[in-house]
């Protein structure tokens, strides 16, 4: 929500955005390094899969696989986290349906 006097968010919205940003940062920091690396390069640096593959020295298919697994972990980690909870502990394992492989 924006206030009428300025383009700045109102204090409540500003606080919510700050807490949300902190929760996302903590969830990304909790990822294993191989997942965190590709998430940061793709989502924060906005690099293409091809650029990420070149920088990291891994095949483009591996980039896509790691991004998929990282996004699943982030989704599970952040799902249901209320803004009132300032910190999260995400030591999670995502089990793919239909088999016992852990992502």
C-alpha atoms as a PDB file:
ATOM      1  CA  UNK A   1       0.000   0.000   0.000  1.00  0.00           C
ATOM      2  CA  UNK A   2       1.232   3.460  -0.875  1.00  0.00           C
ATOM      3  CA  UNK A   3       0.477   6.564   1.096  1.00  0.00           C
ATOM      4  CA  UNK A   4      -1.119   9.492  -0.666  1.00  0.00           C
ATOM      5  CA  UNK A   5       1.626  11.970   0.261  1.00  0.00           C
ATOM      6  CA  UNK A   6       4.435   9.958  -1.299  1.00  0.00           C
ATOM      7  CA  UNK A   7       5.290   6.926  -3.335  1.00  0.00           C
ATOM      8  CA  UNK A   8       6.750   5.244  -0.264  1.00  0.00           C
ATOM      9  CA  UNK A   9       4.961   2.199   1.169  1.00  0.00           C
ATOM     10  CA  UNK A  10       3.093   2.816   4.404  1.00  0.00           C
ATOM     11  CA  UNK A  11       4.928   1.640   7.564  1.00  0.00           C
ATOM     12  CA  UNK A  12       2.972  -1.608   7.843  1.00  0.00           C
ATOM     13  CA  UNK A  13       3.572  -2.573   4.219  1.00  0.00           C
ATOM     14  CA  UNK A  14       7.213  -1.543   4.499  1.00  0.00           C
ATOM     15  CA  UNK A  15       7.679  -3.758   7.559  1.00  0.00           C
ATOM     16  CA  UNK A  16       5.950  -6.682   5.846  1.00  0.00           C
ATOM     17  CA  UNK A  17       8.226  -6.355   2.792  1.00  0.00           C
ATOM     18  CA  UNK A  18      11.310  -6.176   5.010  1.00  0.00           C
ATOM     19  CA  UNK A  19      10.325  -9.294   6.964  1.00  0.00           C
ATOM     20  CA  UNK A  20       9.410 -11.138   3.770  1.00  0.00           C
ATOM     21  CA  UNK A  21      12.763 -10.246   2.215  1.00  0.00           C
ATOM     22  CA  UNK A  22      14.587 -11.423   5.340  1.00  0.00           C
ATOM     23  CA  UNK A  23      12.730 -14.758   5.327  1.00  0.00           C
ATOM     24  CA  UNK A  24      13.572 -15.340   1.672  1.00  0.00           C
ATOM     25  CA  UNK A  25      17.236 -14.461   2.270  1.00  0.00           C
ATOM     26  CA  UNK A  26      17.405 -16.886   5.197  1.00  0.00           C
ATOM     27  CA  UNK A  27      15.752 -19.645   3.166  1.00  0.00           C
ATOM     28  CA  UNK A  28      18.236 -19.147   0.309  1.00  0.00           C
ATOM     29  CA  UNK A  29      21.147 -19.124   2.774  1.00  0.00           C
ATOM     30  CA  UNK A  30      19.927 -22.454   4.192  1.00  0.00           C
ATOM     31  CA  UNK A  31      20.171 -24.178   0.787  1.00  0.00           C
ATOM     32  CA  UNK A  32      23.150 -26.427   0.046  1.00  0.00           C
ATOM     33  CA  UNK A  33      25.832 -24.471  -1.818  1.00  0.00           C
ATOM     34  CA  UNK A  34      25.219 -26.157  -5.195  1.00  0.00           C
ATOM     35  CA  UNK A  35      21.557 -25.109  -5.079  1.00  0.00           C
ATOM     36  CA  UNK A  36      22.189 -21.688  -3.579  1.00  0.00           C
ATOM     37  CA  UNK A  37      24.716 -20.875  -6.297  1.00  0.00           C
ATOM     38  CA  UNK A  38      22.332 -21.469  -9.207  1.00  0.00           C
ATOM     39  CA  UNK A  39      19.386 -19.756  -7.477  1.00  0.00           C
ATOM     40  CA  UNK A  40      21.414 -16.613  -6.871  1.00  0.00           C
ATOM     41  CA  UNK A  41      22.776 -16.560 -10.405  1.00  0.00           C
ATOM     42  CA  UNK A  42      19.334 -17.109 -11.950  1.00  0.00           C
ATOM     43  CA  UNK A  43      16.928 -15.240  -9.687  1.00  0.00           C
ATOM     44  CA  UNK A  44      19.089 -12.424  -8.318  1.00  0.00           C
ATOM     45  CA  UNK A  45      21.635 -11.919 -11.086  1.00  0.00           C
ATOM     46  CA  UNK A  46      19.052 -12.818 -13.787  1.00  0.00           C
ATOM     47  CA  UNK A  47      21.514 -14.892 -15.817  1.00  0.00           C
ATOM     48  CA  UNK A  48      20.357 -17.366 -18.456  1.00  0.00           C
ATOM     49  CA  UNK A  49      20.729 -21.106 -17.964  1.00  0.00           C
ATOM     50  CA  UNK A  50      23.466 -21.072 -20.588  1.00  0.00           C
ATOM     51  CA  UNK A  51      25.364 -18.321 -18.757  1.00  0.00           C
ATOM     52  CA  UNK A  52      25.045 -20.167 -15.449  1.00  0.00           C
ATOM     53  CA  UNK A  53      26.342 -23.369 -17.038  1.00  0.00           C
ATOM     54  CA  UNK A  54      29.322 -21.477 -18.438  1.00  0.00           C
ATOM     55  CA  UNK A  55      30.149 -19.738 -15.140  1.00  0.00           C
ATOM     56  CA  UNK A  56      29.772 -22.840 -12.971  1.00  0.00           C
ATOM     57  CA  UNK A  57      31.252 -25.310 -15.428  1.00  0.00           C
ATOM     58  CA  UNK A  58      28.308 -27.695 -15.175  1.00  0.00           C
ATOM     59  CA  UNK A  59      26.014 -28.941 -17.981  1.00  0.00           C
ATOM     60  CA  UNK A  60      22.886 -26.897 -18.685  1.00  0.00           C
ATOM     61  CA  UNK A  61      20.718 -29.897 -17.730  1.00  0.00           C
ATOM     62  CA  UNK A  62      22.359 -29.934 -14.310  1.00  0.00           C
ATOM     63  CA  UNK A  63      21.652 -26.204 -13.954  1.00  0.00           C
ATOM     64  CA  UNK A  64      17.973 -26.819 -14.687  1.00  0.00           C
ATOM     65  CA  UNK A  65      17.825 -29.794 -12.329  1.00  0.00           C
ATOM     66  CA  UNK A  66      19.471 -27.893  -9.467  1.00  0.00           C
ATOM     67  CA  UNK A  67      17.183 -24.911  -9.980  1.00  0.00           C
ATOM     68  CA  UNK A  68      14.142 -27.156  -9.903  1.00  0.00           C
ATOM     69  CA  UNK A  69      15.259 -28.874  -6.722  1.00  0.00           C
ATOM     70  CA  UNK A  70      16.240 -25.575  -5.093  1.00  0.00           C
ATOM     71  CA  UNK A  71      12.868 -24.036  -5.919  1.00  0.00           C
ATOM     72  CA  UNK A  72      11.069 -27.045  -4.430  1.00  0.00           C
ATOM     73  CA  UNK A  73      13.075 -26.708  -1.229  1.00  0.00           C
ATOM     74  CA  UNK A  74      12.404 -22.970  -1.051  1.00  0.00           C
ATOM     75  CA  UNK A  75       8.684 -23.535  -1.623  1.00  0.00           C
ATOM     76  CA  UNK A  76       8.485 -26.108   1.166  1.00  0.00           C
ATOM     77  CA  UNK A  77      10.615 -23.965   3.451  1.00  0.00           C
ATOM     78  CA  UNK A  78       8.637 -20.762   2.931  1.00  0.00           C
ATOM     79  CA  UNK A  79       5.144 -22.236   2.648  1.00  0.00           C
ATOM     80  CA  UNK A  80       3.057 -21.245   5.621  1.00  0.00           C
ATOM     81  CA  UNK A  81       5.679 -19.005   7.172  1.00  0.00           C
ATOM     82  CA  UNK A  82       3.826 -16.086   8.704  1.00  0.00           C
ATOM     83  CA  UNK A  83       5.381 -12.611   8.799  1.00  0.00           C
ATOM     84  CA  UNK A  84       5.254 -12.793  12.617  1.00  0.00           C
ATOM     85  CA  UNK A  85       7.983 -15.447  12.572  1.00  0.00           C
ATOM     86  CA  UNK A  86      11.230 -13.501  12.064  1.00  0.00           C
ATOM     87  CA  UNK A  87      13.500 -16.504  11.623  1.00  0.00           C
ATOM     88  CA  UNK A  88      13.108 -19.889   9.986  1.00  0.00           C
ATOM     89  CA  UNK A  89      15.079 -23.067  10.245  1.00  0.00           C
ATOM     90  CA  UNK A  90      14.961 -24.960   6.985  1.00  0.00           C
ATOM     91  CA  UNK A  91      16.823 -28.187   7.218  1.00  0.00           C
ATOM     92  CA  UNK A  92      14.486 -29.981   4.852  1.00  0.00           C
ATOM     93  CA  UNK A  93      14.552 -32.875   2.484  1.00  0.00           C
ATOM     94  CA  UNK A  94      12.159 -33.035  -0.431  1.00  0.00           C
ATOM     95  CA  UNK A  95      11.114 -36.569  -1.318  1.00  0.00           C
ATOM     96  CA  UNK A  96       9.955 -37.029  -4.872  1.00  0.00           C
ATOM     97  CA  UNK A  97       6.611 -38.744  -5.261  1.00  0.00           C
ATOM     98  CA  UNK A  98       6.729 -42.314  -6.469  1.00  0.00           C
ATOM     99  CA  UNK A  99      10.181 -43.179  -5.208  1.00  0.00           C
ATOM    100  CA  UNK A 100      12.440 -42.760  -2.220  1.00  0.00           C
ATOM    101  CA  UNK A 101      14.975 -40.398  -3.799  1.00  0.00           C
ATOM    102  CA  UNK A 102      15.763 -37.393  -1.673  1.00  0.00           C
ATOM    103  CA  UNK A 103      16.280 -34.153  -3.546  1.00  0.00           C
END
